[in-house]
C-alpha atoms as a PDB file:
ATOM      1  CA  MET A   1       0.030   0.143  -0.189  1.00  0.00           C
ATOM      2  CA  ASN A   2       1.798   3.124  -1.349  1.00  0.00           C
ATOM      3  CA  ALA A   3       1.357   6.370   0.900  1.00  0.00           C
ATOM      4  CA  ARG A   4      -0.714   8.070  -1.541  1.00  0.00           C
ATOM      5  CA  SER A   5      -3.517   6.017  -1.403  1.00  0.00           C
ATOM      6  CA  LEU A   6      -2.993   5.591   2.382  1.00  0.00           C
ATOM      7  CA  PHE A   7      -3.398   9.469   2.687  1.00  0.00           C
ATOM      8  CA  SER A   8      -6.116  10.168  -0.534  1.00  0.00           C
ATOM      9  CA  LEU A   9      -5.854  13.670  -0.111  1.00  0.00           C
ATOM     10  CA  PHE A  10      -8.602  14.713   1.788  1.00  0.00           C
ATOM     11  CA  SER A  11      -9.038  17.928   4.440  1.00  0.00           C
ATOM     12  CA  ASN A  12     -10.864  15.820   6.752  1.00  0.00           C
ATOM     13  CA  ASP A  13      -8.297  13.791   8.287  1.00  0.00           C
ATOM     14  CA  LEU A  14      -8.253  14.240  11.984  1.00  0.00           C
ATOM     15  CA  ALA A  15      -4.980  14.338  14.583  1.00  0.00           C
ATOM     16  CA  ILE A  16      -6.519  13.726  17.897  1.00  0.00           C
ATOM     17  CA  ASP A  17      -4.280  14.153  21.586  1.00  0.00           C
ATOM     18  CA  LEU A  18      -7.262  11.896  23.566  1.00  0.00           C
ATOM     19  CA  GLY A  19      -6.012  13.294  27.032  1.00  0.00           C
ATOM     20  CA  THR A  20      -7.178  12.166  30.478  1.00  0.00           C
ATOM     21  CA  ALA A  21      -7.742  15.869  31.393  1.00  0.00           C
ATOM     22  CA  ASN A  22      -8.333  17.247  27.807  1.00  0.00           C
ATOM     23  CA  THR A  23      -8.995  16.444  24.230  1.00  0.00           C
ATOM     24  CA  LEU A  24      -7.656  18.035  21.279  1.00  0.00           C
ATOM     25  CA  VAL A  25      -8.519  17.774  18.028  1.00  0.00           C
ATOM     26  CA  TYR A  26      -6.655  19.063  15.243  1.00  0.00           C
ATOM     27  CA  MET A  27      -8.322  19.148  11.425  1.00  0.00           C
ATOM     28  CA  ARG A  28      -5.461  19.276   8.077  1.00  0.00           C
ATOM     29  CA  SER A  29      -7.405  22.279   6.979  1.00  0.00           C
ATOM     30  CA  LYS A  30      -8.125  24.537  10.215  1.00  0.00           C
ATOM     31  CA  GLY A  31      -5.796  23.650  12.850  1.00  0.00           C
ATOM     32  CA  ILE A  32      -6.978  23.126  16.558  1.00  0.00           C
ATOM     33  CA  VAL A  33     -11.021  22.640  16.036  1.00  0.00           C
ATOM     34  CA  VAL A  34     -11.760  21.205  19.169  1.00  0.00           C
ATOM     35  CA  ASN A  35     -10.110  21.792  22.645  1.00  0.00           C
ATOM     36  CA  GLU A  36     -12.576  20.617  25.668  1.00  0.00           C
ATOM     37  CA  PRO A  37     -11.980  18.394  28.757  1.00  0.00           C
ATOM     38  CA  SER A  38     -12.170  14.571  28.499  1.00  0.00           C
ATOM     39  CA  ILE A  39     -15.193  14.457  30.289  1.00  0.00           C
ATOM     40  CA  VAL A  40     -19.227  13.394  29.302  1.00  0.00           C
ATOM     41  CA  ALA A  41     -22.541  13.796  31.885  1.00  0.00           C
ATOM     42  CA  ILE A  42     -24.915  11.306  31.333  1.00  0.00           C
ATOM     43  CA  ASN A  43     -28.533  10.578  32.174  1.00  0.00           C
ATOM     44  CA  LYS A  44     -28.399   7.530  34.055  1.00  0.00           C
ATOM     45  CA  VAL A  45     -32.094   6.777  33.402  1.00  0.00           C
ATOM     46  CA  ASN A  46     -32.466   6.886  30.032  1.00  0.00           C
ATOM     47  CA  GLY A  47     -28.340   7.033  29.234  1.00  0.00           C
ATOM     48  CA  GLU A  48     -28.804   9.907  27.096  1.00  0.00           C
ATOM     49  CA  ILE A  49     -25.552  12.045  26.936  1.00  0.00           C
ATOM     50  CA  GLU A  50     -26.236  15.626  28.889  1.00  0.00           C
ATOM     51  CA  ALA A  51     -22.887  17.351  28.040  1.00  0.00           C
ATOM     52  CA  VAL A  52     -19.497  17.060  27.122  1.00  0.00           C
ATOM     53  CA  GLY A  53     -16.142  18.608  27.251  1.00  0.00           C
ATOM     54  CA  ARG A  54     -16.846  22.291  29.020  1.00  0.00           C
ATOM     55  CA  GLU A  55     -20.547  22.047  29.856  1.00  0.00           C
ATOM     56  CA  ALA A  56     -20.171  18.010  31.191  1.00  0.00           C
ATOM     57  CA  LYS A  57     -16.662  19.516  33.594  1.00  0.00           C
ATOM     58  CA  GLU A  58     -18.993  22.584  35.204  1.00  0.00           C
ATOM     59  CA  MET A  59     -21.137  19.633  36.547  1.00  0.00           C
ATOM     60  CA  VAL A  60     -18.970  17.780  37.751  1.00  0.00           C
ATOM     61  CA  GLY A  61     -19.453  17.564  41.565  1.00  0.00           C
ATOM     62  CA  ARG A  62     -22.837  18.993  41.095  1.00  0.00           C
ATOM     63  CA  THR A  63     -24.739  16.518  39.850  1.00  0.00           C
ATOM     64  CA  PRO A  64     -28.268  15.575  40.882  1.00  0.00           C
ATOM     65  CA  GLY A  65     -28.660  11.698  41.322  1.00  0.00           C
ATOM     66  CA  ASN A  66     -29.801  10.864  37.943  1.00  0.00           C
ATOM     67  CA  ILE A  67     -27.044  12.038  36.485  1.00  0.00           C
ATOM     68  CA  VAL A  68     -23.238  11.483  36.268  1.00  0.00           C
ATOM     69  CA  ALA A  69     -20.106  13.315  35.094  1.00  0.00           C
ATOM     70  CA  ILE A  70     -17.599  10.875  33.828  1.00  0.00           C
ATOM     71  CA  ARG A  71     -14.068  10.492  32.997  1.00  0.00           C
ATOM     72  CA  PRO A  72     -13.554   7.633  30.688  1.00  0.00           C
ATOM     73  CA  MET A  73      -9.936   7.956  30.459  1.00  0.00           C
ATOM     74  CA  LYS A  74      -7.402   7.494  33.558  1.00  0.00           C
ATOM     75  CA  ASP A  75      -3.895   7.261  33.273  1.00  0.00           C
ATOM     76  CA  GLY A  76      -3.764   8.086  29.864  1.00  0.00           C
ATOM     77  CA  VAL A  77      -5.370   4.937  28.634  1.00  0.00           C
ATOM     78  CA  ILE A  78      -9.623   4.028  28.501  1.00  0.00           C
ATOM     79  CA  ALA A  79     -10.870   3.025  31.688  1.00  0.00           C
ATOM     80  CA  ASP A  80     -14.880   3.416  30.112  1.00  0.00           C
ATOM     81  CA  PHE A  81     -14.633   1.564  26.582  1.00  0.00           C
ATOM     82  CA  LYS A  82     -18.521   2.843  26.118  1.00  0.00           C
ATOM     83  CA  VAL A  83     -18.413   6.083  26.853  1.00  0.00           C
ATOM     84  CA  THR A  84     -14.669   6.500  25.247  1.00  0.00           C
ATOM     85  CA  GLU A  85     -16.694   6.332  22.376  1.00  0.00           C
ATOM     86  CA  ARG A  86     -19.234   8.195  22.642  1.00  0.00           C
ATOM     87  CA  MET A  87     -16.944  11.431  23.692  1.00  0.00           C
ATOM     88  CA  LEU A  88     -15.050  10.631  20.484  1.00  0.00           C
ATOM     89  CA  ASN A  89     -17.853  10.486  18.150  1.00  0.00           C
ATOM     90  CA  TYR A  90     -19.195  13.861  19.877  1.00  0.00           C
ATOM     91  CA  PHE A  91     -15.847  15.679  19.105  1.00  0.00           C
ATOM     92  CA  ILE A  92     -15.182  14.338  16.001  1.00  0.00           C
ATOM     93  CA  GLN A  93     -18.692  15.432  14.574  1.00  0.00           C
ATOM     94  CA  LYS A  94     -17.875  18.473  16.687  1.00  0.00           C
ATOM     95  CA  ALA A  95     -14.712  19.174  14.600  1.00  0.00           C
ATOM     96  CA  HIS A  96     -16.725  18.460  11.214  1.00  0.00           C
ATOM     97  CA  GLY A  97     -19.386  20.918  12.103  1.00  0.00           C
ATOM     98  CA  ARG A  98     -21.763  18.192  12.581  1.00  0.00           C
ATOM     99  CA  LYS A  99     -21.558  16.479   8.667  1.00  0.00           C
ATOM    100  CA  MET A 100     -22.641  12.625   9.458  1.00  0.00           C
ATOM    101  CA  LEU A 101     -21.614  11.277   6.302  1.00  0.00           C
ATOM    102  CA  VAL A 102     -17.483  11.723   6.899  1.00  0.00           C
ATOM    103  CA  HIS A 103     -15.128   9.381   7.900  1.00  0.00           C
ATOM    104  CA  PRO A 104     -12.012  10.489   8.522  1.00  0.00           C
ATOM    105  CA  ARG A 105      -8.668   9.119   8.940  1.00  0.00           C
ATOM    106  CA  ILE A 106      -7.394   9.843  12.441  1.00  0.00           C
ATOM    107  CA  VAL A 107      -3.985   9.894  13.752  1.00  0.00           C
ATOM    108  CA  ILE A 108      -4.174   9.441  17.971  1.00  0.00           C
ATOM    109  CA  GLY A 109      -1.582  10.336  20.117  1.00  0.00           C
ATOM    110  CA  VAL A 110      -0.970   8.004  22.897  1.00  0.00           C
ATOM    111  CA  PRO A 111       1.030   7.273  25.956  1.00  0.00           C
ATOM    112  CA  SER A 112       4.866   5.493  25.655  1.00  0.00           C
ATOM    113  CA  GLU A 113       4.375   2.515  27.721  1.00  0.00           C
ATOM    114  CA  ILE A 114       0.516   1.244  26.560  1.00  0.00           C
ATOM    115  CA  THR A 115      -0.196  -2.024  26.440  1.00  0.00           C
ATOM    116  CA  GLN A 116      -1.708  -4.479  23.447  1.00  0.00           C
ATOM    117  CA  VAL A 117      -4.838  -4.553  25.180  1.00  0.00           C
ATOM    118  CA  GLU A 118      -5.304  -0.749  25.978  1.00  0.00           C
ATOM    119  CA  LYS A 119      -3.681   0.418  22.047  1.00  0.00           C
ATOM    120  CA  ARG A 120      -6.687  -2.091  20.965  1.00  0.00           C
ATOM    121  CA  ALA A 121      -8.961   0.104  22.964  1.00  0.00           C
ATOM    122  CA  VAL A 122      -8.314   2.992  21.394  1.00  0.00           C
ATOM    123  CA  MET A 123      -8.356   1.914  18.001  1.00  0.00           C
ATOM    124  CA  ASP A 124     -11.858   0.094  18.571  1.00  0.00           C
ATOM    125  CA  SER A 125     -13.356   3.526  20.080  1.00  0.00           C
ATOM    126  CA  ALA A 126     -12.108   5.862  17.436  1.00  0.00           C
ATOM    127  CA  TYR A 127     -13.412   3.140  14.703  1.00  0.00           C
ATOM    128  CA  ARG A 128     -16.673   2.842  16.365  1.00  0.00           C
ATOM    129  CA  ALA A 129     -16.638   6.624  16.604  1.00  0.00           C
ATOM    130  CA  LYS A 130     -16.417   6.596  12.109  1.00  0.00           C
ATOM    131  CA  ALA A 131     -12.852   6.797  11.734  1.00  0.00           C
ATOM    132  CA  SER A 132     -11.979   4.961   7.925  1.00  0.00           C
ATOM    133  CA  GLU A 133      -8.775   4.316   9.446  1.00  0.00           C
ATOM    134  CA  VAL A 134      -6.664   4.413  12.418  1.00  0.00           C
ATOM    135  CA  ILE A 135      -2.738   4.773  13.183  1.00  0.00           C
ATOM    136  CA  LEU A 136      -1.733   5.451  16.618  1.00  0.00           C
ATOM    137  CA  VAL A 137       1.561   7.475  17.484  1.00  0.00           C
ATOM    138  CA  GLU A 138       3.760   8.210  20.553  1.00  0.00           C
ATOM    139  CA  GLN A 139       2.631  11.561  22.661  1.00  0.00           C
ATOM    140  CA  ALA A 140       6.304  12.069  24.085  1.00  0.00           C
ATOM    141  CA  MET A 141       7.376  11.858  20.015  1.00  0.00           C
ATOM    142  CA  MET A 142       4.403  13.868  18.667  1.00  0.00           C
ATOM    143  CA  ALA A 143       5.187  16.638  21.978  1.00  0.00           C
ATOM    144  CA  ALA A 144       8.666  16.751  21.440  1.00  0.00           C
ATOM    145  CA  ILE A 145       7.654  17.720  17.583  1.00  0.00           C
ATOM    146  CA  GLY A 146       4.963  19.493  18.142  1.00  0.00           C
ATOM    147  CA  ALA A 147       7.285  21.917  20.677  1.00  0.00           C
ATOM    148  CA  GLY A 148       9.656  22.544  17.432  1.00  0.00           C
ATOM    149  CA  LEU A 149      12.448  19.718  18.378  1.00  0.00           C
ATOM    150  CA  PRO A 150      14.673  18.730  15.192  1.00  0.00           C
ATOM    151  CA  ILE A 151      13.594  15.344  15.927  1.00  0.00           C
ATOM    152  CA  THR A 152      15.010  13.814  13.173  1.00  0.00           C
ATOM    153  CA  GLU A 153      18.241  14.611  13.640  1.00  0.00           C
ATOM    154  CA  PRO A 154      20.764  12.478  14.852  1.00  0.00           C
ATOM    155  CA  SER A 155      21.230  14.235  18.209  1.00  0.00           C
ATOM    156  CA  GLY A 156      19.528  13.733  21.555  1.00  0.00           C
ATOM    157  CA  ASN A 157      16.256  15.837  22.238  1.00  0.00           C
ATOM    158  CA  MET A 158      14.857  15.734  25.902  1.00  0.00           C
ATOM    159  CA  VAL A 159      10.995  16.069  26.256  1.00  0.00           C
ATOM    160  CA  VAL A 160       9.122  16.038  29.845  1.00  0.00           C
ATOM    161  CA  ASP A 161       5.599  15.873  28.954  1.00  0.00           C
ATOM    162  CA  ILE A 162       3.200  16.225  32.041  1.00  0.00           C
ATOM    163  CA  GLY A 163      -0.171  15.554  30.806  1.00  0.00           C
ATOM    164  CA  GLY A 164      -3.454  15.107  33.389  1.00  0.00           C
ATOM    165  CA  GLY A 165      -2.902  11.310  34.006  1.00  0.00           C
ATOM    166  CA  THR A 166       0.917  10.508  33.205  1.00  0.00           C
ATOM    167  CA  THR A 167       3.945  12.076  32.909  1.00  0.00           C
ATOM    168  CA  ASP A 168       6.355  10.814  29.905  1.00  0.00           C
ATOM    169  CA  VAL A 169       9.889  11.611  29.851  1.00  0.00           C
ATOM    170  CA  ALA A 170      11.587  11.021  26.832  1.00  0.00           C
ATOM    171  CA  VAL A 171      14.386  11.214  25.102  1.00  0.00           C
ATOM    172  CA  ILE A 172      14.183  11.192  21.071  1.00  0.00           C
ATOM    173  CA  SER A 173      17.212  11.118  18.155  1.00  0.00           C
ATOM    174  CA  LEU A 174      16.758  10.283  14.281  1.00  0.00           C
ATOM    175  CA  SER A 175      13.074  10.052  15.519  1.00  0.00           C
ATOM    176  CA  GLY A 176      12.690   6.934  17.245  1.00  0.00           C
ATOM    177  CA  ILE A 177      12.730   7.097  20.689  1.00  0.00           C
ATOM    178  CA  VAL A 178      15.894   5.737  22.249  1.00  0.00           C
ATOM    179  CA  TYR A 179      14.509   6.037  26.255  1.00  0.00           C
ATOM    180  CA  SER A 180      10.913   6.437  27.612  1.00  0.00           C
ATOM    181  CA  ARG A 181       9.843   6.251  31.178  1.00  0.00           C
ATOM    182  CA  SER A 182       5.840   6.986  31.959  1.00  0.00           C
ATOM    183  CA  VAL A 183       4.956   7.200  35.505  1.00  0.00           C
ATOM    184  CA  ARG A 184       1.404   7.925  36.452  1.00  0.00           C
ATOM    185  CA  VAL A 185       1.793  11.151  38.363  1.00  0.00           C
ATOM    186  CA  ALA A 186       0.636  14.105  36.952  1.00  0.00           C
ATOM    187  CA  GLY A 187      -1.645  16.374  37.061  1.00  0.00           C
ATOM    188  CA  ASN A 188      -4.867  14.637  38.304  1.00  0.00           C
ATOM    189  CA  GLU A 189      -2.389  13.398  40.984  1.00  0.00           C
ATOM    190  CA  MET A 190      -1.738  16.999  41.992  1.00  0.00           C
ATOM    191  CA  ASP A 191      -5.368  18.047  42.346  1.00  0.00           C
ATOM    192  CA  ASP A 192      -5.924  14.677  44.806  1.00  0.00           C
ATOM    193  CA  ALA A 193      -2.891  15.994  46.512  1.00  0.00           C
ATOM    194  CA  VAL A 194      -4.274  19.764  47.147  1.00  0.00           C
ATOM    195  CA  MET A 195      -7.623  18.071  48.158  1.00  0.00           C
ATOM    196  CA  HIS A 196      -6.049  15.765  51.200  1.00  0.00           C
ATOM    197  CA  TYR A 197      -3.455  18.556  52.419  1.00  0.00           C
ATOM    198  CA  LEU A 198      -6.185  20.991  52.958  1.00  0.00           C
ATOM    199  CA  LYS A 199      -8.635  17.866  54.555  1.00  0.00           C
ATOM    200  CA  ARG A 200      -5.612  17.155  56.721  1.00  0.00           C
ATOM    201  CA  LYS A 201      -4.502  20.857  57.494  1.00  0.00           C
ATOM    202  CA  TYR A 202      -7.719  22.652  57.760  1.00  0.00           C
ATOM    203  CA  ASN A 203     -10.231  19.771  57.622  1.00  0.00           C
ATOM    204  CA  LEU A 204     -11.494  21.262  55.218  1.00  0.00           C
ATOM    205  CA  LEU A 205     -13.096  19.464  52.159  1.00  0.00           C
ATOM    206  CA  VAL A 206     -13.077  20.867  48.549  1.00  0.00           C
ATOM    207  CA  GLY A 207     -13.927  19.463  45.404  1.00  0.00           C
ATOM    208  CA  GLU A 208     -12.264  18.659  42.331  1.00  0.00           C
ATOM    209  CA  ARG A 209     -12.577  21.319  40.422  1.00  0.00           C
ATOM    210  CA  THR A 210     -12.006  24.079  43.540  1.00  0.00           C
ATOM    211  CA  ALA A 211      -8.666  21.755  43.490  1.00  0.00           C
ATOM    212  CA  GLU A 212      -7.412  22.020  40.100  1.00  0.00           C
ATOM    213  CA  GLN A 213      -8.088  25.804  40.547  1.00  0.00           C
ATOM    214  CA  ILE A 214      -5.973  25.989  43.581  1.00  0.00           C
ATOM    215  CA  LYS A 215      -3.086  24.139  41.876  1.00  0.00           C
ATOM    216  CA  ILE A 216      -3.231  26.599  38.709  1.00  0.00           C
ATOM    217  CA  GLU A 217      -2.847  29.579  40.534  1.00  0.00           C
ATOM    218  CA  LEU A 218      -1.276  28.966  43.359  1.00  0.00           C
ATOM    219  CA  GLY A 219       1.165  25.301  42.100  1.00  0.00           C
ATOM    220  CA  SER A 220       4.886  25.823  42.393  1.00  0.00           C
ATOM    221  CA  ALA A 221       8.033  23.672  42.559  1.00  0.00           C
ATOM    222  CA  TYR A 222      10.294  26.492  43.921  1.00  0.00           C
ATOM    223  CA  PRO A 223       9.977  29.491  45.988  1.00  0.00           C
ATOM    224  CA  LEU A 224       8.285  32.085  44.232  1.00  0.00           C
ATOM    225  CA  ASP A 225       9.752  35.585  44.343  1.00  0.00           C
ATOM    226  CA  LYS A 226       6.442  37.286  44.896  1.00  0.00           C
ATOM    227  CA  PRO A 227       4.192  34.978  47.646  1.00  0.00           C
ATOM    228  CA  LEU A 228       0.633  34.242  46.221  1.00  0.00           C
ATOM    229  CA  THR A 229      -2.384  33.876  48.351  1.00  0.00           C
ATOM    230  CA  MET A 230      -5.597  32.807  47.290  1.00  0.00           C
ATOM    231  CA  GLU A 231      -9.593  32.565  49.230  1.00  0.00           C
ATOM    232  CA  ILE A 232     -10.572  29.141  48.862  1.00  0.00           C
ATOM    233  CA  LYS A 233     -14.081  27.742  49.664  1.00  0.00           C
ATOM    234  CA  GLY A 234     -15.301  24.355  50.880  1.00  0.00           C
ATOM    235  CA  ARG A 235     -16.891  22.522  53.669  1.00  0.00           C
ATOM    236  CA  ASN A 236     -15.589  22.038  57.179  1.00  0.00           C
ATOM    237  CA  LEU A 237     -15.313  18.240  58.131  1.00  0.00           C
ATOM    238  CA  ILE A 238     -15.931  19.420  61.902  1.00  0.00           C
ATOM    239  CA  GLU A 239     -18.998  21.244  61.661  1.00  0.00           C
ATOM    240  CA  GLY A 240     -20.017  20.514  58.525  1.00  0.00           C
ATOM    241  CA  VAL A 241     -20.966  24.023  56.999  1.00  0.00           C
ATOM    242  CA  PRO A 242     -19.429  25.772  54.552  1.00  0.00           C
ATOM    243  CA  LYS A 243     -16.413  27.784  55.265  1.00  0.00           C
ATOM    244  CA  THR A 244     -13.758  30.241  53.974  1.00  0.00           C
ATOM    245  CA  ILE A 245      -9.896  30.137  54.266  1.00  0.00           C
ATOM    246  CA  THR A 246      -6.883  31.749  52.855  1.00  0.00           C
ATOM    247  CA  ILE A 247      -4.149  29.651  51.781  1.00  0.00           C
ATOM    248  CA  ASN A 248      -0.879  30.561  50.017  1.00  0.00           C
ATOM    249  CA  ASP A 249       1.866  29.245  47.840  1.00  0.00           C
ATOM    250  CA  THR A 250       3.939  27.783  50.396  1.00  0.00           C
ATOM    251  CA  GLU A 251       1.829  25.509  51.733  1.00  0.00           C
ATOM    252  CA  ILE A 252       0.529  24.384  48.241  1.00  0.00           C
ATOM    253  CA  ARG A 253       4.224  23.809  47.097  1.00  0.00           C
ATOM    254  CA  GLU A 254       4.182  21.649  50.436  1.00  0.00           C
ATOM    255  CA  ALA A 255       1.153  20.029  49.110  1.00  0.00           C
ATOM    256  CA  LEU A 256       2.141  19.056  45.276  1.00  0.00           C
ATOM    257  CA  GLY A 257       6.092  18.024  46.926  1.00  0.00           C
ATOM    258  CA  GLU A 258       5.484  14.414  46.446  1.00  0.00           C
ATOM    259  CA  CYS A 259       4.565  14.447  42.772  1.00  0.00           C
ATOM    260  CA  ILE A 260       7.050  16.871  41.568  1.00  0.00           C
ATOM    261  CA  ASP A 261       9.684  14.424  43.312  1.00  0.00           C
ATOM    262  CA  THR A 262       8.330  11.487  41.567  1.00  0.00           C
ATOM    263  CA  ILE A 263       8.411  13.925  38.608  1.00  0.00           C
ATOM    264  CA  MET A 264      12.127  14.863  39.302  1.00  0.00           C
ATOM    265  CA  ASN A 265      12.928  11.451  39.636  1.00  0.00           C
ATOM    266  CA  ALA A 266      11.523  10.301  36.388  1.00  0.00           C
ATOM    267  CA  ILE A 267      13.979  12.784  34.867  1.00  0.00           C
ATOM    268  CA  ARG A 268      16.652  11.966  36.904  1.00  0.00           C
ATOM    269  CA  VAL A 269      16.467   8.300  35.615  1.00  0.00           C
ATOM    270  CA  ALA A 270      16.127   9.566  32.076  1.00  0.00           C
ATOM    271  CA  LEU A 271      19.242  10.950  32.359  1.00  0.00           C
ATOM    272  CA  GLU A 272      20.881   8.154  33.935  1.00  0.00           C
ATOM    273  CA  ARG A 273      19.842   5.633  31.565  1.00  0.00           C
ATOM    274  CA  THR A 274      20.539   8.193  28.194  1.00  0.00           C
ATOM    275  CA  PRO A 275      23.808   6.992  26.028  1.00  0.00           C
ATOM    276  CA  PRO A 276      26.468   9.541  26.791  1.00  0.00           C
ATOM    277  CA  GLU A 277      26.777  10.762  22.996  1.00  0.00           C
ATOM    278  CA  LEU A 278      23.017  11.728  23.228  1.00  0.00           C
ATOM    279  CA  SER A 279      23.878  13.167  27.117  1.00  0.00           C
ATOM    280  CA  ALA A 280      26.689  15.794  25.464  1.00  0.00           C
ATOM    281  CA  ASP A 281      23.605  16.779  23.075  1.00  0.00           C
ATOM    282  CA  ILE A 282      21.133  17.252  26.363  1.00  0.00           C
ATOM    283  CA  SER A 283      23.547  18.880  28.140  1.00  0.00           C
ATOM    284  CA  ASP A 284      23.863  21.809  25.189  1.00  0.00           C
ATOM    285  CA  ARG A 285      20.044  21.642  24.378  1.00  0.00           C
ATOM    286  CA  GLY A 286      18.398  20.918  27.319  1.00  0.00           C
ATOM    287  CA  ILE A 287      15.060  19.849  28.257  1.00  0.00           C
ATOM    288  CA  VAL A 288      11.918  20.924  27.241  1.00  0.00           C
ATOM    289  CA  LEU A 289       8.757  20.909  29.038  1.00  0.00           C
ATOM    290  CA  THR A 290       5.199  20.407  27.597  1.00  0.00           C
ATOM    291  CA  GLY A 291       1.631  19.182  28.937  1.00  0.00           C
ATOM    292  CA  GLY A 292      -0.342  21.281  31.015  1.00  0.00           C
ATOM    293  CA  GLY A 293       1.920  20.618  34.180  1.00  0.00           C
ATOM    294  CA  ALA A 294       4.622  22.471  32.247  1.00  0.00           C
ATOM    295  CA  ARG A 295       2.708  25.373  33.458  1.00  0.00           C
ATOM    296  CA  ILE A 296       3.408  24.728  37.066  1.00  0.00           C
ATOM    297  CA  LYS A 297       5.374  28.132  38.550  1.00  0.00           C
ATOM    298  CA  ASN A 298       9.052  27.541  38.904  1.00  0.00           C
ATOM    299  CA  LEU A 299       9.122  24.090  37.734  1.00  0.00           C
ATOM    300  CA  ASP A 300      11.687  24.897  35.127  1.00  0.00           C
ATOM    301  CA  ARG A 301      13.685  26.861  37.766  1.00  0.00           C
ATOM    302  CA  ARG A 302      13.578  23.837  40.014  1.00  0.00           C
ATOM    303  CA  ILE A 303      14.603  21.305  37.230  1.00  0.00           C
ATOM    304  CA  ARG A 304      17.354  23.709  36.486  1.00  0.00           C
ATOM    305  CA  GLU A 305      19.004  23.809  39.957  1.00  0.00           C
ATOM    306  CA  GLU A 306      18.574  20.100  40.413  1.00  0.00           C
ATOM    307  CA  THR A 307      19.806  18.622  37.115  1.00  0.00           C
ATOM    308  CA  GLY A 308      22.469  21.967  35.962  1.00  0.00           C
ATOM    309  CA  LEU A 309      20.673  21.518  32.800  1.00  0.00           C
ATOM    310  CA  PRO A 310      19.521  24.328  30.441  1.00  0.00           C
ATOM    311  CA  VAL A 311      15.334  24.302  30.580  1.00  0.00           C
ATOM    312  CA  SER A 312      12.450  25.801  28.781  1.00  0.00           C
ATOM    313  CA  VAL A 313       9.129  25.986  28.146  1.00  0.00           C
ATOM    314  CA  ALA A 314       7.428  25.093  25.063  1.00  0.00           C
ATOM    315  CA  ASP A 315       5.505  27.898  23.720  1.00  0.00           C
ATOM    316  CA  ASP A 316       1.881  26.055  23.881  1.00  0.00           C
ATOM    317  CA  PRO A 317       2.597  23.423  26.681  1.00  0.00           C
ATOM    318  CA  LEU A 318      -1.317  22.101  26.489  1.00  0.00           C
ATOM    319  CA  ALA A 319      -1.334  21.894  22.351  1.00  0.00           C
ATOM    320  CA  SER A 320       2.391  20.270  21.796  1.00  0.00           C
ATOM    321  CA  VAL A 321       0.939  17.009  21.778  1.00  0.00           C
ATOM    322  CA  VAL A 322      -1.591  17.902  19.127  1.00  0.00           C
ATOM    323  CA  LEU A 323       0.435  20.154  17.131  1.00  0.00           C
ATOM    324  CA  GLY A 324       2.938  17.733  16.509  1.00  0.00           C
ATOM    325  CA  THR A 325       0.295  14.905  16.056  1.00  0.00           C
ATOM    326  CA  GLY A 326      -0.889  17.722  13.379  1.00  0.00           C
ATOM    327  CA  ARG A 327       2.347  17.682  11.180  1.00  0.00           C
ATOM    328  CA  MET A 328       2.067  14.071  10.539  1.00  0.00           C
ATOM    329  CA  LEU A 329      -1.154  14.714   8.751  1.00  0.00           C
ATOM    330  CA  THR A 330       1.051  16.059   5.805  1.00  0.00           C
ATOM    331  CA  ASP A 331       4.560  14.503   6.614  1.00  0.00           C
ATOM    332  CA  PHE A 332       3.958  10.756   5.844  1.00  0.00           C
ATOM    333  CA  LYS A 333       7.255   9.778   5.521  1.00  0.00           C
ATOM    334  CA  LEU A 334       7.674  10.689   8.890  1.00  0.00           C
ATOM    335  CA  LEU A 335       4.202   9.001  10.265  1.00  0.00           C
ATOM    336  CA  ARG A 336       5.166   5.785   8.509  1.00  0.00           C
ATOM    337  CA  ARG A 337       8.318   5.829  10.613  1.00  0.00           C
ATOM    338  CA  VAL A 338       6.725   6.859  13.886  1.00  0.00           C
ATOM    339  CA  ALA A 339       3.459   5.300  13.514  1.00  0.00           C
ATOM    340  CA  ILE A 340       3.347   2.479  16.362  1.00  0.00           C
ATOM    341  CA  GLU A 341       2.785  -0.792  14.550  1.00  0.00           C
END
């Protein structure tokens, strides 16, 4: 099968970053057309979908008994097969402006340490959502391409992609992954850590959306130049009533400490396992951070302090994977090299 028949020149081909926290869809002719939370709200009584994406996220933690807000992806892989398929269906239709007759070819990014069964699940979901062809690629590689790294050259590039469910650390050279490691500590785990911390220290219960808000506004990996504070509302466990307290960045840094340590450790191990020639390249070029977690304040500084390497954050860290995957829609030669069999 030659590349031409494999990808006859349709403009409705899609690249999808099926993430634990957010799903992004890139359309060949239009760029990023969907960027929404990977959440589906389902009515338990009749099984109808009440909302998907942003609308469904508004419902998390606020639903009446007959509606459940489900996150079908967990740790970067599909946890709920049926719901993922419906979510993909919705996003694909949305990308195509509801034209029912499209059967796009789809390139999907998946975490590096994904099992055969998990791969099968992603492919089946996409085929059931009416894809005519599905090609899987590794997220870390796509993140590197999306961040603008010269991955086809014979020199080492190190990328750390901190998503919602997984953190992927990869060393890439000659369009291939030389070393990759995926740890299941990332954005969601950080939200949980914030929730636990507030419960332990203040007997305050907060929901996951509030925890995420706190992480985004106050989360840091290294002391900030200007201290930050934030007023948060939750339920006091002892009195059982709503309560407002003020917290600062030092506390949240402490709350996130363990998660950040795990990520630091994965980076350290990757550096130890990298072949010496490539280590030399990385010490010149440094490490590039992508994914939503790259926006944690001073994370680049912390990595720089601990490794002594230059560290930079991709221009649009949240979109790196989907932009890299989108490039595959026009670069068939590279796609054939990086596709996962």
